[in-house]
Amino acid sequence: MACLTRNLQKQLQAYIKRHVATKWLSNPAPLRDDLIDKGICPSDVTYDQFEFLVETID
């Protein structure tokens, strides 16, 4: 995860836990695109990285 630092990963996970409905978690690709459009997630975070991030939300 070159561009996805631990701090950014934790911040994104916290945002997703607070603001995202559970139905989005089964297909994280549109969620990634939506968060990029909102300026919350950097565009250089790959789909694989984002999928891993969503899978590791506690």
N, C-alpha and C. Protein backbone atom coordinates (compact mmCIF):
# COMPACT_ATOMS: atom_id res chain seq x y z
N MET A 1 0.83 -1.18 0.00
CA MET A 1 0.00 0.00 0.00
C MET A 1 0.87 1.24 0.00
N ALA A 2 1.39 1.53 -1.12
CA ALA A 2 2.37 2.60 -1.24
C ALA A 2 1.80 3.96 -0.83
N CYS A 3 0.68 4.36 -1.40
CA CYS A 3 0.16 5.69 -1.11
C CYS A 3 -0.81 5.70 0.06
N LEU A 4 -1.19 4.54 0.52
CA LEU A 4 -2.18 4.43 1.58
C LEU A 4 -1.46 4.21 2.91
N THR A 5 -1.20 5.30 3.61
CA THR A 5 -0.51 5.20 4.89
C THR A 5 -1.44 4.61 5.94
N ARG A 6 -0.86 4.15 7.02
CA ARG A 6 -1.68 3.58 8.10
C ARG A 6 -2.66 4.62 8.66
N ASN A 7 -2.19 5.85 8.78
CA ASN A 7 -3.05 6.91 9.30
C ASN A 7 -4.23 7.16 8.36
N LEU A 8 -3.96 7.25 7.07
CA LEU A 8 -5.03 7.46 6.10
C LEU A 8 -5.97 6.26 6.08
N GLN A 9 -5.42 5.07 6.19
CA GLN A 9 -6.25 3.86 6.22
C GLN A 9 -7.20 3.91 7.41
N LYS A 10 -6.71 4.27 8.57
CA LYS A 10 -7.55 4.36 9.77
C LYS A 10 -8.62 5.43 9.61
N GLN A 11 -8.25 6.57 9.03
CA GLN A 11 -9.21 7.66 8.83
C GLN A 11 -10.31 7.24 7.86
N LEU A 12 -9.94 6.58 6.77
CA LEU A 12 -10.94 6.12 5.80
C LEU A 12 -11.86 5.06 6.41
N GLN A 13 -11.28 4.14 7.18
CA GLN A 13 -12.10 3.12 7.83
C GLN A 13 -13.08 3.75 8.81
N ALA A 14 -12.64 4.73 9.56
CA ALA A 14 -13.52 5.40 10.52
C ALA A 14 -14.64 6.14 9.78
N TYR A 15 -14.29 6.80 8.69
CA TYR A 15 -15.32 7.51 7.91
C TYR A 15 -16.34 6.51 7.36
N ILE A 16 -15.86 5.42 6.81
CA ILE A 16 -16.77 4.41 6.24
C ILE A 16 -17.68 3.84 7.31
N LYS A 17 -17.14 3.56 8.49
CA LYS A 17 -17.96 3.02 9.57
C LYS A 17 -19.05 3.99 9.98
N ARG A 18 -18.76 5.29 9.98
CA ARG A 18 -19.73 6.30 10.42
C ARG A 18 -20.73 6.69 9.35
N HIS A 19 -20.31 6.74 8.10
CA HIS A 19 -21.12 7.40 7.09
C HIS A 19 -21.63 6.50 5.96
N VAL A 20 -21.24 5.25 5.92
CA VAL A 20 -21.58 4.42 4.76
C VAL A 20 -22.51 3.30 5.17
N ALA A 21 -23.54 3.10 4.37
CA ALA A 21 -24.48 2.01 4.62
C ALA A 21 -23.79 0.67 4.33
N THR A 22 -24.20 -0.35 5.03
CA THR A 22 -23.57 -1.67 4.91
C THR A 22 -23.69 -2.26 3.51
N LYS A 23 -24.73 -1.90 2.77
CA LYS A 23 -24.91 -2.46 1.43
C LYS A 23 -23.75 -2.09 0.50
N TRP A 24 -23.10 -0.97 0.75
CA TRP A 24 -21.96 -0.56 -0.07
C TRP A 24 -20.75 -1.46 0.14
N LEU A 25 -20.65 -2.07 1.29
CA LEU A 25 -19.45 -2.83 1.63
C LEU A 25 -19.31 -4.11 0.84
N SER A 26 -20.41 -4.64 0.30
CA SER A 26 -20.33 -5.87 -0.48
C SER A 26 -19.72 -5.62 -1.86
N ASN A 27 -19.76 -4.40 -2.35
CA ASN A 27 -19.16 -4.03 -3.63
C ASN A 27 -18.43 -2.70 -3.46
N PRO A 28 -17.17 -2.75 -3.05
CA PRO A 28 -16.48 -1.51 -2.69
C PRO A 28 -16.06 -0.62 -3.87
N ALA A 29 -16.09 -1.11 -5.10
CA ALA A 29 -15.64 -0.30 -6.23
C ALA A 29 -16.45 0.99 -6.39
N PRO A 30 -17.80 0.93 -6.41
CA PRO A 30 -18.55 2.19 -6.52
C PRO A 30 -18.36 3.09 -5.30
N LEU A 31 -18.16 2.49 -4.14
CA LEU A 31 -17.91 3.28 -2.93
C LEU A 31 -16.61 4.05 -3.07
N ARG A 32 -15.57 3.39 -3.58
CA ARG A 32 -14.28 4.05 -3.81
C ARG A 32 -14.46 5.23 -4.74
N ASP A 33 -15.15 5.02 -5.85
CA ASP A 33 -15.37 6.09 -6.82
C ASP A 33 -16.15 7.25 -6.20
N ASP A 34 -17.14 6.93 -5.39
CA ASP A 34 -17.94 7.97 -4.73
C ASP A 34 -17.09 8.77 -3.76
N LEU A 35 -16.25 8.10 -2.97
CA LEU A 35 -15.40 8.80 -2.01
C LEU A 35 -14.34 9.64 -2.72
N ILE A 36 -13.87 9.18 -3.86
CA ILE A 36 -12.92 9.97 -4.65
C ILE A 36 -13.61 11.22 -5.18
N ASP A 37 -14.83 11.06 -5.69
CA ASP A 37 -15.59 12.21 -6.20
C ASP A 37 -15.85 13.25 -5.12
N LYS A 38 -16.04 12.79 -3.88
CA LYS A 38 -16.28 13.71 -2.77
C LYS A 38 -14.98 14.32 -2.23
N GLY A 39 -13.82 13.81 -2.68
CA GLY A 39 -12.54 14.32 -2.22
C GLY A 39 -12.08 13.72 -0.91
N ILE A 40 -12.69 12.61 -0.51
CA ILE A 40 -12.37 11.97 0.76
C ILE A 40 -11.23 10.97 0.60
N CYS A 41 -11.21 10.30 -0.52
CA CYS A 41 -10.21 9.26 -0.79
C CYS A 41 -9.32 9.71 -1.94
N PRO A 42 -8.00 9.57 -1.81
CA PRO A 42 -7.12 9.94 -2.92
C PRO A 42 -7.35 9.02 -4.12
N SER A 43 -7.25 9.57 -5.30
CA SER A 43 -7.53 8.79 -6.51
C SER A 43 -6.45 7.76 -6.81
N ASP A 44 -5.29 7.88 -6.21
CA ASP A 44 -4.25 6.89 -6.47
C ASP A 44 -4.36 5.65 -5.59
N VAL A 45 -5.38 5.57 -4.75
CA VAL A 45 -5.66 4.34 -4.00
C VAL A 45 -6.31 3.37 -4.98
N THR A 46 -5.69 2.20 -5.16
CA THR A 46 -6.18 1.25 -6.15
C THR A 46 -7.43 0.54 -5.64
N TYR A 47 -8.11 -0.11 -6.57
CA TYR A 47 -9.30 -0.88 -6.19
C TYR A 47 -8.93 -1.99 -5.22
N ASP A 48 -7.80 -2.65 -5.45
CA ASP A 48 -7.35 -3.72 -4.55
C ASP A 48 -7.07 -3.19 -3.15
N GLN A 49 -6.42 -2.06 -3.07
CA GLN A 49 -6.14 -1.46 -1.77
C GLN A 49 -7.43 -1.10 -1.05
N PHE A 50 -8.36 -0.52 -1.80
CA PHE A 50 -9.62 -0.11 -1.18
C PHE A 50 -10.44 -1.32 -0.75
N GLU A 51 -10.41 -2.37 -1.55
CA GLU A 51 -11.13 -3.59 -1.18
C GLU A 51 -10.54 -4.17 0.11
N PHE A 52 -9.22 -4.19 0.22
CA PHE A 52 -8.57 -4.66 1.44
C PHE A 52 -8.96 -3.79 2.63
N LEU A 53 -9.00 -2.48 2.42
CA LEU A 53 -9.37 -1.54 3.49
C LEU A 53 -10.77 -1.84 3.99
N VAL A 54 -11.71 -2.06 3.08
CA VAL A 54 -13.09 -2.33 3.46
C VAL A 54 -13.19 -3.68 4.18
N GLU A 55 -12.45 -4.68 3.71
CA GLU A 55 -12.49 -6.00 4.34
C GLU A 55 -11.94 -6.00 5.76
N THR A 56 -11.05 -5.07 6.06
CA THR A 56 -10.41 -5.07 7.38
C THR A 56 -11.08 -4.12 8.37
N ILE A 57 -12.23 -3.56 8.02
CA ILE A 57 -12.96 -2.73 8.97
C ILE A 57 -13.46 -3.60 10.10
N ASP A 58 -13.16 -3.18 11.34
CA ASP A 58 -13.60 -4.01 12.48
C ASP A 58 -14.99 -3.70 12.88
